[in-house]
Amino acid sequence: MVNCTEGQFFGIFRGYIHDYYPKTGNYNCIFKGVSSYHTLSSVLGDDNWDIKYFSQQQQTFVLSYQQSPNPNDLDPLQEPDPLQESDPLQEHDPPQEPLQDQNKTSMHTAKKTTNI
């Protein structure tokens, strides 16, 4: 499970989103091919992930995350403070594609299926 804002989710997983389930708010992302493990490592920006296999072809993907020892480092998953003044020289992210439910502000889960 990868917790992130909706904008971060689309920025990271754009091109890999296969299905969206409105009832649960879950997205199914599929990574295919021989280089799928490498691709997923690149997308996650971390080689510290692995798969746990269960009976009936079920899989769980685990990403290990170590919090920065410096308490002043920003949390990449934390929403920016809308009241904080933005830097006018800083580039802003391009607009994201519209979502089916514009009022949805919940966090989303990326369920990854790797086919080799």
PDB file of N, CA and C in Angstrom:
ATOM      1  N   MET A   1       0.847  -1.172   0.000  1.00  0.00           N
ATOM      2  CA  MET A   1       0.000   0.000   0.000  1.00  0.00           C
ATOM      3  C   MET A   1       0.893   1.236   0.000  1.00  0.00           C
ATOM      4  N   VAL A   2       0.544   2.167  -0.834  1.00  0.00           N
ATOM      5  CA  VAL A   2       1.271   3.422  -0.910  1.00  0.00           C
ATOM      6  C   VAL A   2       0.292   4.534  -0.561  1.00  0.00           C
ATOM      7  N   ASN A   3       0.515   5.206   0.561  1.00  0.00           N
ATOM      8  CA  ASN A   3      -0.352   6.318   0.945  1.00  0.00           C
ATOM      9  C   ASN A   3       0.192   7.601   0.353  1.00  0.00           C
ATOM     10  N   CYS A   4      -0.669   8.335  -0.344  1.00  0.00           N
ATOM     11  CA  CYS A   4      -0.262   9.595  -0.946  1.00  0.00           C
ATOM     12  C   CYS A   4      -1.502  10.403  -1.287  1.00  0.00           C
ATOM     13  N   THR A   5      -1.292  11.661  -1.611  1.00  0.00           N
ATOM     14  CA  THR A   5      -2.420  12.473  -2.052  1.00  0.00           C
ATOM     15  C   THR A   5      -2.811  12.011  -3.453  1.00  0.00           C
ATOM     16  N   GLU A   6      -3.999  12.390  -3.880  1.00  0.00           N
ATOM     17  CA  GLU A   6      -4.464  11.974  -5.196  1.00  0.00           C
ATOM     18  C   GLU A   6      -3.564  12.527  -6.307  1.00  0.00           C
ATOM     19  N   GLY A   7      -3.130  13.776  -6.174  1.00  0.00           N
ATOM     20  CA  GLY A   7      -2.235  14.363  -7.165  1.00  0.00           C
ATOM     21  C   GLY A   7      -0.902  13.636  -7.228  1.00  0.00           C
ATOM     22  N   GLN A   8      -0.354  13.286  -6.061  1.00  0.00           N
ATOM     23  CA  GLN A   8       0.900  12.533  -6.021  1.00  0.00           C
ATOM     24  C   GLN A   8       0.710  11.163  -6.655  1.00  0.00           C
ATOM     25  N   PHE A   9      -0.435  10.529  -6.359  1.00  0.00           N
ATOM     26  CA  PHE A   9      -0.707   9.200  -6.896  1.00  0.00           C
ATOM     27  C   PHE A   9      -0.689   9.224  -8.422  1.00  0.00           C
ATOM     28  N   PHE A  10      -1.420  10.173  -9.019  1.00  0.00           N
ATOM     29  CA  PHE A  10      -1.466  10.245 -10.477  1.00  0.00           C
ATOM     30  C   PHE A  10      -0.115  10.623 -11.062  1.00  0.00           C
ATOM     31  N   GLY A  11       0.630  11.473 -10.382  1.00  0.00           N
ATOM     32  CA  GLY A  11       1.956  11.838 -10.859  1.00  0.00           C
ATOM     33  C   GLY A  11       2.905  10.655 -10.889  1.00  0.00           C
ATOM     34  N   ILE A  12       2.787   9.778  -9.909  1.00  0.00           N
ATOM     35  CA  ILE A  12       3.679   8.624  -9.796  1.00  0.00           C
ATOM     36  C   ILE A  12       3.226   7.470 -10.679  1.00  0.00           C
ATOM     37  N   PHE A  13       1.930   7.146 -10.637  1.00  0.00           N
ATOM     38  CA  PHE A  13       1.441   5.926 -11.283  1.00  0.00           C
ATOM     39  C   PHE A  13       0.763   6.156 -12.631  1.00  0.00           C
ATOM     40  N   ARG A  14       0.791   7.380 -13.157  1.00  0.00           N
ATOM     41  CA  ARG A  14       0.198   7.644 -14.480  1.00  0.00           C
ATOM     42  C   ARG A  14       0.839   6.696 -15.492  1.00  0.00           C
ATOM     43  N   GLY A  15       0.034   6.096 -16.316  1.00  0.00           N
ATOM     44  CA  GLY A  15       0.535   5.159 -17.314  1.00  0.00           C
ATOM     45  C   GLY A  15       0.480   3.714 -16.849  1.00  0.00           C
ATOM     46  N   TYR A  16       0.308   3.502 -15.539  1.00  0.00           N
ATOM     47  CA  TYR A  16       0.236   2.145 -15.006  1.00  0.00           C
ATOM     48  C   TYR A  16      -1.144   1.830 -14.428  1.00  0.00           C
ATOM     49  N   ILE A  17      -2.021   2.828 -14.341  1.00  0.00           N
ATOM     50  CA  ILE A  17      -3.349   2.626 -13.761  1.00  0.00           C
ATOM     51  C   ILE A  17      -4.191   1.829 -14.741  1.00  0.00           C
ATOM     52  N   HIS A  18      -4.703   0.695 -14.274  1.00  0.00           N
ATOM     53  CA  HIS A  18      -5.495  -0.195 -15.121  1.00  0.00           C
ATOM     54  C   HIS A  18      -6.984  -0.093 -14.797  1.00  0.00           C
ATOM     55  N   ASP A  19      -7.333  -0.113 -13.528  1.00  0.00           N
ATOM     56  CA  ASP A  19      -8.733  -0.070 -13.090  1.00  0.00           C
ATOM     57  C   ASP A  19      -8.879   0.846 -11.891  1.00  0.00           C
ATOM     58  N   TYR A  20     -10.082   1.393 -11.739  1.00  0.00           N
ATOM     59  CA  TYR A  20     -10.444   2.175 -10.562  1.00  0.00           C
ATOM     60  C   TYR A  20     -11.737   1.602 -10.010  1.00  0.00           C
ATOM     61  N   TYR A  21     -11.795   1.411  -8.688  1.00  0.00           N
ATOM     62  CA  TYR A  21     -12.973   0.857  -8.027  1.00  0.00           C
ATOM     63  C   TYR A  21     -13.576   1.931  -7.128  1.00  0.00           C
ATOM     64  N   PRO A  22     -14.624   2.624  -7.616  1.00  0.00           N
ATOM     65  CA  PRO A  22     -15.198   3.749  -6.867  1.00  0.00           C
ATOM     66  C   PRO A  22     -15.693   3.387  -5.471  1.00  0.00           C
ATOM     67  N   LYS A  23     -16.228   2.173  -5.292  1.00  0.00           N
ATOM     68  CA  LYS A  23     -16.754   1.788  -3.969  1.00  0.00           C
ATOM     69  C   LYS A  23     -15.672   1.809  -2.902  1.00  0.00           C
ATOM     70  N   THR A  24     -14.491   1.321  -3.250  1.00  0.00           N
ATOM     71  CA  THR A  24     -13.404   1.226  -2.270  1.00  0.00           C
ATOM     72  C   THR A  24     -12.389   2.354  -2.419  1.00  0.00           C
ATOM     73  N   GLY A  25     -12.405   3.049  -3.562  1.00  0.00           N
ATOM     74  CA  GLY A  25     -11.406   4.084  -3.815  1.00  0.00           C
ATOM     75  C   GLY A  25     -10.053   3.504  -4.184  1.00  0.00           C
ATOM     76  N   ASN A  26     -10.012   2.222  -4.554  1.00  0.00           N
ATOM     77  CA  ASN A  26      -8.758   1.557  -4.898  1.00  0.00           C
ATOM     78  C   ASN A  26      -8.482   1.630  -6.390  1.00  0.00           C
ATOM     79  N   TYR A  27      -7.213   1.702  -6.725  1.00  0.00           N
ATOM     80  CA  TYR A  27      -6.749   1.652  -8.101  1.00  0.00           C
ATOM     81  C   TYR A  27      -5.946   0.366  -8.276  1.00  0.00           C
ATOM     82  N   ASN A  28      -6.036  -0.237  -9.445  1.00  0.00           N
ATOM     83  CA  ASN A  28      -5.243  -1.411  -9.768  1.00  0.00           C
ATOM     84  C   ASN A  28      -4.197  -0.980 -10.789  1.00  0.00           C
ATOM     85  N   CYS A  29      -2.931  -1.058 -10.415  1.00  0.00           N
ATOM     86  CA  CYS A  29      -1.840  -0.686 -11.316  1.00  0.00           C
ATOM     87  C   CYS A  29      -1.145  -1.957 -11.769  1.00  0.00           C
ATOM     88  N   ILE A  30      -0.887  -2.053 -13.062  1.00  0.00           N
ATOM     89  CA  ILE A  30      -0.273  -3.260 -13.616  1.00  0.00           C
ATOM     90  C   ILE A  30       1.073  -2.909 -14.231  1.00  0.00           C
ATOM     91  N   PHE A  31       2.071  -3.672 -13.846  1.00  0.00           N
ATOM     92  CA  PHE A  31       3.417  -3.542 -14.394  1.00  0.00           C
ATOM     93  C   PHE A  31       3.720  -4.860 -15.093  1.00  0.00           C
ATOM     94  N   LYS A  32       3.978  -4.823 -16.402  1.00  0.00           N
ATOM     95  CA  LYS A  32       4.160  -6.046 -17.184  1.00  0.00           C
ATOM     96  C   LYS A  32       5.561  -6.116 -17.769  1.00  0.00           C
ATOM     97  N   GLY A  33       5.942  -7.333 -18.124  1.00  0.00           N
ATOM     98  CA  GLY A  33       7.172  -7.545 -18.874  1.00  0.00           C
ATOM     99  C   GLY A  33       8.348  -7.970 -18.027  1.00  0.00           C
ATOM    100  N   VAL A  34       9.430  -8.243 -18.725  1.00  0.00           N
ATOM    101  CA  VAL A  34      10.648  -8.736 -18.088  1.00  0.00           C
ATOM    102  C   VAL A  34      11.209  -7.713 -17.111  1.00  0.00           C
ATOM    103  N   SER A  35      11.079  -6.438 -17.434  1.00  0.00           N
ATOM    104  CA  SER A  35      11.661  -5.396 -16.584  1.00  0.00           C
ATOM    105  C   SER A  35      10.661  -4.827 -15.580  1.00  0.00           C
ATOM    106  N   SER A  36       9.574  -5.550 -15.309  1.00  0.00           N
ATOM    107  CA  SER A  36       8.526  -5.015 -14.426  1.00  0.00           C
ATOM    108  C   SER A  36       9.029  -4.735 -13.009  1.00  0.00           C
ATOM    109  N   TYR A  37       9.889  -5.588 -12.469  1.00  0.00           N
ATOM    110  CA  TYR A  37      10.416  -5.352 -11.121  1.00  0.00           C
ATOM    111  C   TYR A  37      11.286  -4.093 -11.105  1.00  0.00           C
ATOM    112  N   HIS A  38      12.115  -3.938 -12.137  1.00  0.00           N
ATOM    113  CA  HIS A  38      12.965  -2.748 -12.232  1.00  0.00           C
ATOM    114  C   HIS A  38      12.110  -1.493 -12.412  1.00  0.00           C
ATOM    115  N   THR A  39      11.075  -1.595 -13.252  1.00  0.00           N
ATOM    116  CA  THR A  39      10.179  -0.456 -13.476  1.00  0.00           C
ATOM    117  C   THR A  39       9.513  -0.037 -12.180  1.00  0.00           C
ATOM    118  N   LEU A  40       9.005  -1.003 -11.423  1.00  0.00           N
ATOM    119  CA  LEU A  40       8.338  -0.688 -10.161  1.00  0.00           C
ATOM    120  C   LEU A  40       9.321  -0.076  -9.166  1.00  0.00           C
ATOM    121  N   SER A  41      10.546  -0.583  -9.126  1.00  0.00           N
ATOM    122  CA  SER A  41      11.569   0.009  -8.255  1.00  0.00           C
ATOM    123  C   SER A  41      11.825   1.457  -8.642  1.00  0.00           C
ATOM    124  N   SER A  42      11.852   1.735  -9.944  1.00  0.00           N
ATOM    125  CA  SER A  42      12.063   3.111 -10.415  1.00  0.00           C
ATOM    126  C   SER A  42      10.884   4.000 -10.060  1.00  0.00           C
ATOM    127  N   VAL A  43       9.670   3.494 -10.258  1.00  0.00           N
ATOM    128  CA  VAL A  43       8.468   4.276  -9.946  1.00  0.00           C
ATOM    129  C   VAL A  43       8.420   4.594  -8.459  1.00  0.00           C
ATOM    130  N   LEU A  44       8.733   3.608  -7.625  1.00  0.00           N
ATOM    131  CA  LEU A  44       8.707   3.807  -6.176  1.00  0.00           C
ATOM    132  C   LEU A  44       9.937   4.559  -5.687  1.00  0.00           C
ATOM    133  N   GLY A  45      10.980   4.614  -6.519  1.00  0.00           N
ATOM    134  CA  GLY A  45      12.213   5.275  -6.108  1.00  0.00           C
ATOM    135  C   GLY A  45      12.906   4.531  -4.987  1.00  0.00           C
ATOM    136  N   ASP A  46      12.732   3.213  -4.944  1.00  0.00           N
ATOM    137  CA  ASP A  46      13.267   2.422  -3.836  1.00  0.00           C
ATOM    138  C   ASP A  46      13.395   0.968  -4.271  1.00  0.00           C
ATOM    139  N   ASP A  47      14.554   0.365  -4.022  1.00  0.00           N
ATOM    140  CA  ASP A  47      14.739  -1.057  -4.305  1.00  0.00           C
ATOM    141  C   ASP A  47      14.317  -1.928  -3.128  1.00  0.00           C
ATOM    142  N   ASN A  48      13.955  -1.314  -2.001  1.00  0.00           N
ATOM    143  CA  ASN A  48      13.602  -2.061  -0.791  1.00  0.00           C
ATOM    144  C   ASN A  48      12.133  -2.449  -0.783  1.00  0.00           C
ATOM    145  N   TRP A  49      11.727  -3.240  -1.758  1.00  0.00           N
ATOM    146  CA  TRP A  49      10.365  -3.750  -1.791  1.00  0.00           C
ATOM    147  C   TRP A  49      10.439  -5.199  -2.235  1.00  0.00           C
ATOM    148  N   ASP A  50       9.405  -5.948  -1.948  1.00  0.00           N
ATOM    149  CA  ASP A  50       9.388  -7.361  -2.302  1.00  0.00           C
ATOM    150  C   ASP A  50       7.953  -7.845  -2.367  1.00  0.00           C
ATOM    151  N   ILE A  51       7.776  -9.088  -2.764  1.00  0.00           N
ATOM    152  CA  ILE A  51       6.452  -9.688  -2.902  1.00  0.00           C
ATOM    153  C   ILE A  51       6.349 -10.868  -1.951  1.00  0.00           C
ATOM    154  N   LYS A  52       5.213 -10.978  -1.282  1.00  0.00           N
ATOM    155  CA  LYS A  52       4.919 -12.154  -0.475  1.00  0.00           C
ATOM    156  C   LYS A  52       3.805 -12.909  -1.194  1.00  0.00           C
ATOM    157  N   TYR A  53       4.043 -14.191  -1.483  1.00  0.00           N
ATOM    158  CA  TYR A  53       3.080 -15.002  -2.221  1.00  0.00           C
ATOM    159  C   TYR A  53       2.220 -15.811  -1.251  1.00  0.00           C
ATOM    160  N   PHE A  54       0.941 -15.941  -1.566  1.00  0.00           N
ATOM    161  CA  PHE A  54      -0.006 -16.720  -0.782  1.00  0.00           C
ATOM    162  C   PHE A  54      -0.654 -17.765  -1.684  1.00  0.00           C
ATOM    163  N   SER A  55      -1.415 -18.674  -1.083  1.00  0.00           N
ATOM    164  CA  SER A  55      -2.129 -19.667  -1.881  1.00  0.00           C
ATOM    165  C   SER A  55      -3.157 -18.971  -2.768  1.00  0.00           C
ATOM    166  N   GLN A  56      -3.638 -19.651  -3.762  1.00  0.00           N
ATOM    167  CA  GLN A  56      -4.637 -19.150  -4.712  1.00  0.00           C
ATOM    168  C   GLN A  56      -4.128 -17.925  -5.474  1.00  0.00           C
ATOM    169  N   GLN A  57      -2.835 -17.891  -5.740  1.00  0.00           N
ATOM    170  CA  GLN A  57      -2.174 -16.864  -6.546  1.00  0.00           C
ATOM    171  C   GLN A  57      -2.364 -15.442  -6.015  1.00  0.00           C
ATOM    172  N   GLN A  58      -2.513 -15.296  -4.698  1.00  0.00           N
ATOM    173  CA  GLN A  58      -2.610 -13.966  -4.098  1.00  0.00           C
ATOM    174  C   GLN A  58      -1.201 -13.458  -3.815  1.00  0.00           C
ATOM    175  N   GLN A  59      -1.019 -12.144  -3.974  1.00  0.00           N
ATOM    176  CA  GLN A  59       0.280 -11.533  -3.749  1.00  0.00           C
ATOM    177  C   GLN A  59       0.117 -10.253  -2.944  1.00  0.00           C
ATOM    178  N   THR A  60       1.067  -9.999  -2.066  1.00  0.00           N
ATOM    179  CA  THR A  60       1.124  -8.739  -1.335  1.00  0.00           C
ATOM    180  C   THR A  60       2.470  -8.102  -1.622  1.00  0.00           C
ATOM    181  N   PHE A  61       2.458  -6.821  -1.964  1.00  0.00           N
ATOM    182  CA  PHE A  61       3.687  -6.102  -2.256  1.00  0.00           C
ATOM    183  C   PHE A  61       4.033  -5.242  -1.054  1.00  0.00           C
ATOM    184  N   VAL A  62       5.275  -5.343  -0.610  1.00  0.00           N
ATOM    185  CA  VAL A  62       5.707  -4.656   0.595  1.00  0.00           C
ATOM    186  C   VAL A  62       6.833  -3.694   0.241  1.00  0.00           C
ATOM    187  N   LEU A  63       6.679  -2.442   0.644  1.00  0.00           N
ATOM    188  CA  LEU A  63       7.723  -1.437   0.472  1.00  0.00           C
ATOM    189  C   LEU A  63       8.203  -1.040   1.849  1.00  0.00           C
ATOM    190  N   SER A  64       9.515  -1.176   2.078  1.00  0.00           N
ATOM    191  CA  SER A  64      10.028  -0.774   3.386  1.00  0.00           C
ATOM    192  C   SER A  64      10.343   0.709   3.338  1.00  0.00           C
ATOM    193  N   TYR A  65       9.955   1.420   4.365  1.00  0.00           N
ATOM    194  CA  TYR A  65      10.129   2.869   4.431  1.00  0.00           C
ATOM    195  C   TYR A  65      10.831   3.201   5.727  1.00  0.00           C
ATOM    196  N   GLN A  66      11.905   3.970   5.619  1.00  0.00           N
ATOM    197  CA  GLN A  66      12.611   4.413   6.812  1.00  0.00           C
ATOM    198  C   GLN A  66      12.454   5.918   6.917  1.00  0.00           C
ATOM    199  N   GLN A  67      11.937   6.339   8.047  1.00  0.00           N
ATOM    200  CA  GLN A  67      11.744   7.761   8.266  1.00  0.00           C
ATOM    201  C   GLN A  67      13.099   8.437   8.428  1.00  0.00           C
ATOM    202  N   SER A  68      13.207   9.639   7.918  1.00  0.00           N
ATOM    203  CA  SER A  68      14.450  10.397   8.005  1.00  0.00           C
ATOM    204  C   SER A  68      14.802  10.641   9.473  1.00  0.00           C
ATOM    205  N   PRO A  69      16.092  10.491   9.835  1.00  0.00           N
ATOM    206  CA  PRO A  69      16.479  10.756  11.223  1.00  0.00           C
ATOM    207  C   PRO A  69      16.416  12.242  11.564  1.00  0.00           C
ATOM    208  N   ASN A  70      16.359  13.107  10.554  1.00  0.00           N
ATOM    209  CA  ASN A  70      16.298  14.546  10.779  1.00  0.00           C
ATOM    210  C   ASN A  70      14.835  14.978  10.907  1.00  0.00           C
ATOM    211  N   PRO A  71      14.402  15.421  12.085  1.00  0.00           N
ATOM    212  CA  PRO A  71      12.995  15.798  12.267  1.00  0.00           C
ATOM    213  C   PRO A  71      12.591  17.026  11.456  1.00  0.00           C
ATOM    214  N   ASN A  72      13.560  17.789  10.923  1.00  0.00           N
ATOM    215  CA  ASN A  72      13.245  18.970  10.115  1.00  0.00           C
ATOM    216  C   ASN A  72      12.959  18.634   8.653  1.00  0.00           C
ATOM    217  N   ASP A  73      13.256  17.390   8.227  1.00  0.00           N
ATOM    218  CA  ASP A  73      12.959  16.986   6.852  1.00  0.00           C
ATOM    219  C   ASP A  73      11.449  16.916   6.662  1.00  0.00           C
ATOM    220  N   LEU A  74      10.997  17.362   5.508  1.00  0.00           N
ATOM    221  CA  LEU A  74       9.569  17.330   5.211  1.00  0.00           C
ATOM    222  C   LEU A  74       9.119  15.916   4.894  1.00  0.00           C
ATOM    223  N   ASP A  75       7.911  15.579   5.312  1.00  0.00           N
ATOM    224  CA  ASP A  75       7.305  14.294   4.987  1.00  0.00           C
ATOM    225  C   ASP A  75       6.750  14.394   3.571  1.00  0.00           C
ATOM    226  N   PRO A  76       7.229  13.552   2.621  1.00  0.00           N
ATOM    227  CA  PRO A  76       6.764  13.668   1.236  1.00  0.00           C
ATOM    228  C   PRO A  76       5.289  13.320   1.066  1.00  0.00           C
ATOM    229  N   LEU A  77       4.682  12.657   2.040  1.00  0.00           N
ATOM    230  CA  LEU A  77       3.274  12.280   1.938  1.00  0.00           C
ATOM    231  C   LEU A  77       2.343  13.283   2.591  1.00  0.00           C
ATOM    232  N   GLN A  78       2.899  14.275   3.255  1.00  0.00           N
ATOM    233  CA  GLN A  78       2.071  15.245   3.961  1.00  0.00           C
ATOM    234  C   GLN A  78       1.596  16.323   2.993  1.00  0.00           C
ATOM    235  N   GLU A  79       0.313  16.686   3.106  1.00  0.00           N
ATOM    236  CA  GLU A  79      -0.260  17.746   2.278  1.00  0.00           C
ATOM    237  C   GLU A  79       0.403  19.075   2.632  1.00  0.00           C
ATOM    238  N   PRO A  80       0.675  19.918   1.640  1.00  0.00           N
ATOM    239  CA  PRO A  80       1.225  21.238   1.957  1.00  0.00           C
ATOM    240  C   PRO A  80       0.181  22.100   2.657  1.00  0.00           C
ATOM    241  N   ASP A  81       0.657  23.013   3.488  1.00  0.00           N
ATOM    242  CA  ASP A  81      -0.232  23.919   4.208  1.00  0.00           C
ATOM    243  C   ASP A  81      -0.756  24.968   3.230  1.00  0.00           C
ATOM    244  N   PRO A  82      -2.084  25.006   2.977  1.00  0.00           N
ATOM    245  CA  PRO A  82      -2.622  25.962   2.006  1.00  0.00           C
ATOM    246  C   PRO A  82      -2.464  27.410   2.455  1.00  0.00           C
ATOM    247  N   LEU A  83      -2.262  27.649   3.753  1.00  0.00           N
ATOM    248  CA  LEU A  83      -2.105  29.008   4.254  1.00  0.00           C
ATOM    249  C   LEU A  83      -0.665  29.502   4.158  1.00  0.00           C
ATOM    250  N   GLN A  84       0.257  28.573   3.912  1.00  0.00           N
ATOM    251  CA  GLN A  84       1.661  28.951   3.806  1.00  0.00           C
ATOM    252  C   GLN A  84       1.881  29.665   2.472  1.00  0.00           C
ATOM    253  N   GLU A  85       2.630  30.764   2.518  1.00  0.00           N
ATOM    254  CA  GLU A  85       2.877  31.546   1.313  1.00  0.00           C
ATOM    255  C   GLU A  85       3.763  30.751   0.364  1.00  0.00           C
ATOM    256  N   SER A  86       3.371  30.678  -0.916  1.00  0.00           N
ATOM    257  CA  SER A  86       4.169  29.920  -1.871  1.00  0.00           C
ATOM    258  C   SER A  86       5.236  30.814  -2.495  1.00  0.00           C
ATOM    259  N   ASP A  87       6.304  30.186  -2.942  1.00  0.00           N
ATOM    260  CA  ASP A  87       7.409  30.881  -3.583  1.00  0.00           C
ATOM    261  C   ASP A  87       7.014  31.185  -5.026  1.00  0.00           C
ATOM    262  N   PRO A  88       6.947  32.460  -5.432  1.00  0.00           N
ATOM    263  CA  PRO A  88       6.511  32.782  -6.792  1.00  0.00           C
ATOM    264  C   PRO A  88       7.484  32.304  -7.866  1.00  0.00           C
ATOM    265  N   LEU A  89       8.727  32.006  -7.502  1.00  0.00           N
ATOM    266  CA  LEU A  89       9.706  31.534  -8.474  1.00  0.00           C
ATOM    267  C   LEU A  89       9.708  30.022  -8.620  1.00  0.00           C
ATOM    268  N   GLN A  90       8.989  29.330  -7.737  1.00  0.00           N
ATOM    269  CA  GLN A  90       8.953  27.874  -7.763  1.00  0.00           C
ATOM    270  C   GLN A  90       8.000  27.408  -8.852  1.00  0.00           C
ATOM    271  N   GLU A  91       8.441  26.384  -9.642  1.00  0.00           N
ATOM    272  CA  GLU A  91       7.566  25.824 -10.671  1.00  0.00           C
ATOM    273  C   GLU A  91       6.464  25.023 -10.002  1.00  0.00           C
ATOM    274  N   HIS A  92       5.266  25.157 -10.526  1.00  0.00           N
ATOM    275  CA  HIS A  92       4.133  24.404  -9.999  1.00  0.00           C
ATOM    276  C   HIS A  92       3.892  23.181 -10.865  1.00  0.00           C
ATOM    277  N   ASP A  93       3.298  22.147 -10.268  1.00  0.00           N
ATOM    278  CA  ASP A  93       2.970  20.939 -11.013  1.00  0.00           C
ATOM    279  C   ASP A  93       1.931  21.267 -12.071  1.00  0.00           C
ATOM    280  N   PRO A  94       2.020  20.610 -13.249  1.00  0.00           N
ATOM    281  CA  PRO A  94       0.994  20.843 -14.265  1.00  0.00           C
ATOM    282  C   PRO A  94      -0.349  20.312 -13.777  1.00  0.00           C
ATOM    283  N   PRO A  95      -1.449  20.826 -14.320  1.00  0.00           N
ATOM    284  CA  PRO A  95      -2.768  20.359 -13.880  1.00  0.00           C
ATOM    285  C   PRO A  95      -2.915  18.863 -14.113  1.00  0.00           C
ATOM    286  N   GLN A  96      -3.593  18.205 -13.191  1.00  0.00           N
ATOM    287  CA  GLN A  96      -3.824  16.773 -13.297  1.00  0.00           C
ATOM    288  C   GLN A  96      -5.100  16.519 -14.081  1.00  0.00           C
ATOM    289  N   GLU A  97      -5.227  15.298 -14.601  1.00  0.00           N
ATOM    290  CA  GLU A  97      -6.438  14.926 -15.322  1.00  0.00           C
ATOM    291  C   GLU A  97      -7.619  14.969 -14.370  1.00  0.00           C
ATOM    292  N   PRO A  98      -8.805  15.363 -14.864  1.00  0.00           N
ATOM    293  CA  PRO A  98      -9.975  15.419 -13.986  1.00  0.00           C
ATOM    294  C   PRO A  98     -10.357  14.035 -13.494  1.00  0.00           C
ATOM    295  N   LEU A  99     -10.875  13.984 -12.288  1.00  0.00           N
ATOM    296  CA  LEU A  99     -11.293  12.732 -11.680  1.00  0.00           C
ATOM    297  C   LEU A  99     -12.791  12.582 -11.808  1.00  0.00           C
ATOM    298  N   GLN A 100     -13.262  11.349 -11.683  1.00  0.00           N
ATOM    299  CA  GLN A 100     -14.694  11.107 -11.774  1.00  0.00           C
ATOM    300  C   GLN A 100     -15.419  11.781 -10.624  1.00  0.00           C
ATOM    301  N   ASP A 101     -14.843  11.775  -9.463  1.00  0.00           N
ATOM    302  CA  ASP A 101     -15.483  12.359  -8.284  1.00  0.00           C
ATOM    303  C   ASP A 101     -14.597  13.498  -7.792  1.00  0.00           C
ATOM    304  N   GLN A 102     -14.912  14.731  -8.168  1.00  0.00           N
ATOM    305  CA  GLN A 102     -14.073  15.876  -7.850  1.00  0.00           C
ATOM    306  C   GLN A 102     -13.988  16.162  -6.355  1.00  0.00           C
ATOM    307  N   ASN A 103     -14.990  15.746  -5.565  1.00  0.00           N
ATOM    308  CA  ASN A 103     -15.005  16.052  -4.142  1.00  0.00           C
ATOM    309  C   ASN A 103     -14.250  15.032  -3.310  1.00  0.00           C
ATOM    310  N   LYS A 104     -13.726  13.999  -3.916  1.00  0.00           N
ATOM    311  CA  LYS A 104     -13.057  12.938  -3.170  1.00  0.00           C
ATOM    312  C   LYS A 104     -11.673  13.414  -2.726  1.00  0.00           C
ATOM    313  N   THR A 105     -11.409  13.377  -1.437  1.00  0.00           N
ATOM    314  CA  THR A 105     -10.114  13.825  -0.923  1.00  0.00           C
ATOM    315  C   THR A 105      -9.421  12.733  -0.128  1.00  0.00           C
ATOM    316  N   SER A 106      -9.901  11.515  -0.225  1.00  0.00           N
ATOM    317  CA  SER A 106      -9.329  10.438   0.573  1.00  0.00           C
ATOM    318  C   SER A 106      -8.013   9.955  -0.027  1.00  0.00           C
ATOM    319  N   MET A 107      -7.262   9.204   0.764  1.00  0.00           N
ATOM    320  CA  MET A 107      -6.027   8.605   0.306  1.00  0.00           C
ATOM    321  C   MET A 107      -6.384   7.364  -0.505  1.00  0.00           C
ATOM    322  N   HIS A 108      -5.491   6.968  -1.416  1.00  0.00           N
ATOM    323  CA  HIS A 108      -5.762   5.839  -2.292  1.00  0.00           C
ATOM    324  C   HIS A 108      -4.698   4.772  -2.129  1.00  0.00           C
ATOM    325  N   THR A 109      -5.079   3.558  -2.440  1.00  0.00           N
ATOM    326  CA  THR A 109      -4.198   2.418  -2.352  1.00  0.00           C
ATOM    327  C   THR A 109      -3.836   1.959  -3.749  1.00  0.00           C
ATOM    328  N   ALA A 110      -2.572   1.748  -3.992  1.00  0.00           N
ATOM    329  CA  ALA A 110      -2.137   1.203  -5.276  1.00  0.00           C
ATOM    330  C   ALA A 110      -1.942  -0.285  -5.094  1.00  0.00           C
ATOM    331  N   LYS A 111      -2.735  -1.064  -5.779  1.00  0.00           N
ATOM    332  CA  LYS A 111      -2.570  -2.512  -5.741  1.00  0.00           C
ATOM    333  C   LYS A 111      -1.853  -2.907  -7.014  1.00  0.00           C
ATOM    334  N   LYS A 112      -0.664  -3.421  -6.866  1.00  0.00           N
ATOM    335  CA  LYS A 112       0.172  -3.702  -8.011  1.00  0.00           C
ATOM    336  C   LYS A 112       0.162  -5.179  -8.343  1.00  0.00           C
ATOM    337  N   THR A 113       0.011  -5.502  -9.616  1.00  0.00           N
ATOM    338  CA  THR A 113       0.093  -6.864 -10.088  1.00  0.00           C
ATOM    339  C   THR A 113       1.255  -6.931 -11.053  1.00  0.00           C
ATOM    340  N   THR A 114       2.185  -7.798 -10.799  1.00  0.00           N
ATOM    341  CA  THR A 114       3.344  -7.917 -11.668  1.00  0.00           C
ATOM    342  C   THR A 114       3.247  -9.219 -12.425  1.00  0.00           C
ATOM    343  N   ASN A 115       3.194  -9.130 -13.738  1.00  0.00           N
ATOM    344  CA  ASN A 115       3.156 -10.315 -14.588  1.00  0.00           C
ATOM    345  C   ASN A 115       4.500 -10.460 -15.271  1.00  0.00           C
ATOM    346  N   ILE A 116       5.115 -11.608 -15.094  1.00  0.00           N
ATOM    347  CA  ILE A 116       6.427 -11.838 -15.717  1.00  0.00           C
ATOM    348  C   ILE A 116       6.298 -12.961 -16.716  1.00  0.00           C
TER     349      ILE A 116
END
